[in-house]
Amino acid sequence: MFVFVQSGDVFVRKPVRVLYEDRSAVVIANDGSISEADFVVKNQAAAINRALKAAAAEDTGGHAHGHDHAGHTHDH
């Protein structure tokens, strides 16, 4: 699992460990990966991930790098 944290004008993908989730809330481990001061994106993570992959593909001549979950994404 991951979250996107805003860092200036960009979003940084940070891995997190989910302890609990239901339809309206997610609890992540307090392991120092993010802080209370971080602005965490709460919606549209899959769309941001797709946009970042598309931008990376343009930068590398059409070949995106990274793990794509066998062609599908997850809304985390």
N, C-alpha and C. Protein backbone atom coordinates (compact mmCIF):
# COMPACT_ATOMS: atom_id res chain seq x y z
N MET A 1 0.84 -1.17 0.00
CA MET A 1 0.00 0.00 0.00
C MET A 1 0.88 1.24 0.00
N PHE A 2 0.33 2.31 -0.48
CA PHE A 2 1.06 3.56 -0.52
C PHE A 2 0.10 4.73 -0.40
N VAL A 3 0.66 5.89 -0.07
CA VAL A 3 -0.09 7.15 -0.08
C VAL A 3 0.73 8.14 -0.88
N PHE A 4 0.08 9.19 -1.32
CA PHE A 4 0.78 10.30 -1.94
C PHE A 4 0.80 11.46 -0.96
N VAL A 5 1.99 12.02 -0.77
CA VAL A 5 2.19 13.16 0.12
C VAL A 5 2.63 14.33 -0.73
N GLN A 6 2.01 15.49 -0.52
CA GLN A 6 2.40 16.66 -1.29
C GLN A 6 3.71 17.20 -0.76
N SER A 7 4.62 17.48 -1.68
CA SER A 7 5.92 18.05 -1.36
C SER A 7 6.13 19.21 -2.32
N GLY A 8 5.78 20.41 -1.90
CA GLY A 8 5.84 21.56 -2.80
C GLY A 8 4.79 21.42 -3.88
N ASP A 9 5.24 21.43 -5.13
CA ASP A 9 4.31 21.33 -6.26
C ASP A 9 4.17 19.91 -6.79
N VAL A 10 4.79 18.93 -6.13
CA VAL A 10 4.74 17.55 -6.60
C VAL A 10 4.16 16.63 -5.53
N PHE A 11 3.75 15.45 -5.96
CA PHE A 11 3.27 14.43 -5.05
C PHE A 11 4.29 13.31 -5.00
N VAL A 12 4.63 12.89 -3.80
CA VAL A 12 5.61 11.83 -3.58
C VAL A 12 4.87 10.59 -3.09
N ARG A 13 5.13 9.47 -3.74
CA ARG A 13 4.51 8.19 -3.36
C ARG A 13 5.32 7.60 -2.21
N LYS A 14 4.65 7.33 -1.08
CA LYS A 14 5.33 6.77 0.08
C LYS A 14 4.64 5.47 0.51
N PRO A 15 5.42 4.43 0.73
CA PRO A 15 4.84 3.17 1.19
C PRO A 15 4.37 3.28 2.63
N VAL A 16 3.26 2.64 2.94
CA VAL A 16 2.72 2.61 4.30
C VAL A 16 2.23 1.21 4.61
N ARG A 17 2.07 0.93 5.88
CA ARG A 17 1.52 -0.35 6.33
C ARG A 17 0.14 -0.09 6.90
N VAL A 18 -0.87 -0.70 6.29
CA VAL A 18 -2.25 -0.50 6.71
C VAL A 18 -2.58 -1.47 7.84
N LEU A 19 -3.09 -0.91 8.94
CA LEU A 19 -3.48 -1.73 10.08
C LEU A 19 -4.95 -2.10 10.04
N TYR A 20 -5.77 -1.20 9.48
CA TYR A 20 -7.22 -1.41 9.42
C TYR A 20 -7.79 -0.56 8.31
N GLU A 21 -8.80 -1.07 7.62
CA GLU A 21 -9.53 -0.24 6.66
C GLU A 21 -10.96 -0.75 6.53
N ASP A 22 -11.86 0.21 6.31
CA ASP A 22 -13.23 -0.11 5.98
C ASP A 22 -13.65 0.86 4.88
N ARG A 23 -14.93 0.99 4.63
CA ARG A 23 -15.40 1.83 3.52
C ARG A 23 -15.13 3.31 3.73
N SER A 24 -14.95 3.75 4.97
CA SER A 24 -14.82 5.19 5.22
C SER A 24 -13.51 5.60 5.88
N ALA A 25 -12.71 4.65 6.34
CA ALA A 25 -11.49 5.03 7.07
C ALA A 25 -10.37 4.02 6.85
N VAL A 26 -9.15 4.52 6.97
CA VAL A 26 -7.96 3.67 6.89
C VAL A 26 -7.03 4.08 8.03
N VAL A 27 -6.51 3.10 8.74
CA VAL A 27 -5.54 3.36 9.81
C VAL A 27 -4.21 2.79 9.35
N ILE A 28 -3.18 3.66 9.35
CA ILE A 28 -1.85 3.21 8.96
C ILE A 28 -0.93 3.18 10.17
N ALA A 29 0.10 2.35 10.08
CA ALA A 29 1.05 2.20 11.18
C ALA A 29 1.82 3.50 11.39
N ASN A 30 2.10 3.81 12.63
CA ASN A 30 2.89 4.98 13.00
C ASN A 30 4.36 4.58 13.01
N ASP A 31 4.91 4.40 11.81
CA ASP A 31 6.29 3.92 11.69
C ASP A 31 7.25 5.00 11.21
N GLY A 32 6.78 6.24 11.14
CA GLY A 32 7.63 7.35 10.72
C GLY A 32 7.65 7.62 9.23
N SER A 33 6.92 6.83 8.44
CA SER A 33 6.94 7.03 6.99
C SER A 33 6.27 8.34 6.59
N ILE A 34 5.27 8.77 7.35
CA ILE A 34 4.65 10.07 7.16
C ILE A 34 4.42 10.68 8.53
N SER A 35 4.24 11.99 8.55
CA SER A 35 4.02 12.66 9.83
C SER A 35 2.66 13.35 9.82
N GLU A 36 2.25 13.83 10.98
CA GLU A 36 0.98 14.54 11.09
C GLU A 36 0.99 15.82 10.27
N ALA A 37 2.15 16.38 10.02
CA ALA A 37 2.27 17.63 9.27
C ALA A 37 2.18 17.42 7.76
N ASP A 38 2.33 16.18 7.28
CA ASP A 38 2.28 15.90 5.85
C ASP A 38 0.87 16.07 5.32
N PHE A 39 0.76 16.62 4.12
CA PHE A 39 -0.52 16.71 3.43
C PHE A 39 -0.68 15.44 2.61
N VAL A 40 -1.55 14.54 3.07
CA VAL A 40 -1.75 13.25 2.42
C VAL A 40 -2.99 13.33 1.53
N VAL A 41 -2.85 12.88 0.29
CA VAL A 41 -3.97 12.85 -0.64
C VAL A 41 -4.97 11.82 -0.15
N LYS A 42 -6.24 12.19 -0.05
CA LYS A 42 -7.25 11.28 0.48
C LYS A 42 -8.10 10.62 -0.59
N ASN A 43 -8.08 11.16 -1.80
CA ASN A 43 -8.86 10.59 -2.90
C ASN A 43 -8.04 10.63 -4.18
N GLN A 44 -8.42 9.79 -5.12
CA GLN A 44 -7.84 9.77 -6.46
C GLN A 44 -6.38 9.33 -6.52
N ALA A 45 -5.94 8.50 -5.59
CA ALA A 45 -4.56 8.01 -5.62
C ALA A 45 -4.28 7.22 -6.89
N ALA A 46 -5.24 6.44 -7.35
CA ALA A 46 -5.03 5.65 -8.57
C ALA A 46 -4.84 6.57 -9.77
N ALA A 47 -5.60 7.66 -9.84
CA ALA A 47 -5.46 8.61 -10.95
C ALA A 47 -4.10 9.30 -10.90
N ILE A 48 -3.65 9.68 -9.72
CA ILE A 48 -2.33 10.30 -9.59
C ILE A 48 -1.25 9.31 -10.00
N ASN A 49 -1.39 8.07 -9.57
CA ASN A 49 -0.41 7.04 -9.92
C ASN A 49 -0.34 6.85 -11.44
N ARG A 50 -1.49 6.81 -12.10
CA ARG A 50 -1.50 6.67 -13.56
C ARG A 50 -0.83 7.88 -14.23
N ALA A 51 -1.10 9.08 -13.72
CA ALA A 51 -0.49 10.28 -14.30
C ALA A 51 1.02 10.27 -14.12
N LEU A 52 1.49 9.84 -12.95
CA LEU A 52 2.93 9.77 -12.72
C LEU A 52 3.58 8.73 -13.63
N LYS A 53 2.92 7.59 -13.83
CA LYS A 53 3.45 6.57 -14.72
C LYS A 53 3.49 7.07 -16.16
N ALA A 54 2.45 7.79 -16.58
CA ALA A 54 2.42 8.33 -17.94
C ALA A 54 3.55 9.34 -18.13
N ALA A 55 3.77 10.18 -17.13
CA ALA A 55 4.86 11.16 -17.21
C ALA A 55 6.21 10.46 -17.25
N ALA A 56 6.36 9.40 -16.47
CA ALA A 56 7.62 8.64 -16.47
C ALA A 56 7.83 7.97 -17.82
N ALA A 57 6.76 7.48 -18.43
CA ALA A 57 6.87 6.83 -19.73
C ALA A 57 7.30 7.84 -20.79
N GLU A 58 6.78 9.06 -20.71
CA GLU A 58 7.19 10.10 -21.66
C GLU A 58 8.66 10.44 -21.48
N ASP A 59 9.12 10.48 -20.22
CA ASP A 59 10.52 10.82 -19.93
C ASP A 59 11.48 9.73 -20.40
N THR A 60 10.99 8.47 -20.48
CA THR A 60 11.87 7.36 -20.85
C THR A 60 11.57 6.85 -22.25
N GLY A 61 10.89 7.65 -23.05
CA GLY A 61 10.60 7.23 -24.42
C GLY A 61 9.52 6.18 -24.54
N GLY A 62 8.58 6.19 -23.59
CA GLY A 62 7.45 5.28 -23.68
C GLY A 62 7.55 4.03 -22.84
N HIS A 63 8.61 3.88 -22.08
CA HIS A 63 8.77 2.69 -21.27
C HIS A 63 8.74 3.07 -19.79
N ALA A 64 7.59 2.91 -19.15
CA ALA A 64 7.48 3.23 -17.73
C ALA A 64 8.22 2.20 -16.90
N HIS A 65 8.82 2.64 -15.82
CA HIS A 65 9.52 1.75 -14.91
C HIS A 65 8.70 1.61 -13.64
N GLY A 66 8.85 0.49 -12.96
CA GLY A 66 8.16 0.30 -11.70
C GLY A 66 7.23 -0.89 -11.75
N HIS A 67 6.55 -1.12 -10.68
CA HIS A 67 5.66 -2.26 -10.51
C HIS A 67 4.24 -1.85 -10.82
N ASP A 68 3.61 -2.51 -11.79
CA ASP A 68 2.28 -2.07 -12.21
C ASP A 68 1.17 -3.03 -11.80
N HIS A 69 1.39 -3.92 -10.89
CA HIS A 69 0.37 -4.86 -10.41
C HIS A 69 -0.29 -5.61 -11.58
N ALA A 70 0.50 -6.08 -12.49
CA ALA A 70 0.01 -6.89 -13.63
C ALA A 70 -1.03 -6.16 -14.45
N GLY A 71 -0.82 -4.87 -14.68
CA GLY A 71 -1.71 -4.12 -15.55
C GLY A 71 -2.89 -3.48 -14.88
N HIS A 72 -3.00 -3.55 -13.58
CA HIS A 72 -4.10 -2.87 -12.91
C HIS A 72 -3.58 -2.05 -11.73
N THR A 73 -4.39 -1.10 -11.31
CA THR A 73 -4.01 -0.26 -10.19
C THR A 73 -5.03 -0.41 -9.08
N HIS A 74 -4.65 0.04 -7.91
CA HIS A 74 -5.53 -0.02 -6.75
C HIS A 74 -5.74 1.39 -6.20
N ASP A 75 -6.94 1.70 -5.78
CA ASP A 75 -7.25 2.98 -5.16
C ASP A 75 -6.91 2.87 -3.69
N HIS A 76 -5.75 3.42 -3.27
CA HIS A 76 -5.31 3.32 -1.88
C HIS A 76 -5.38 4.65 -1.21
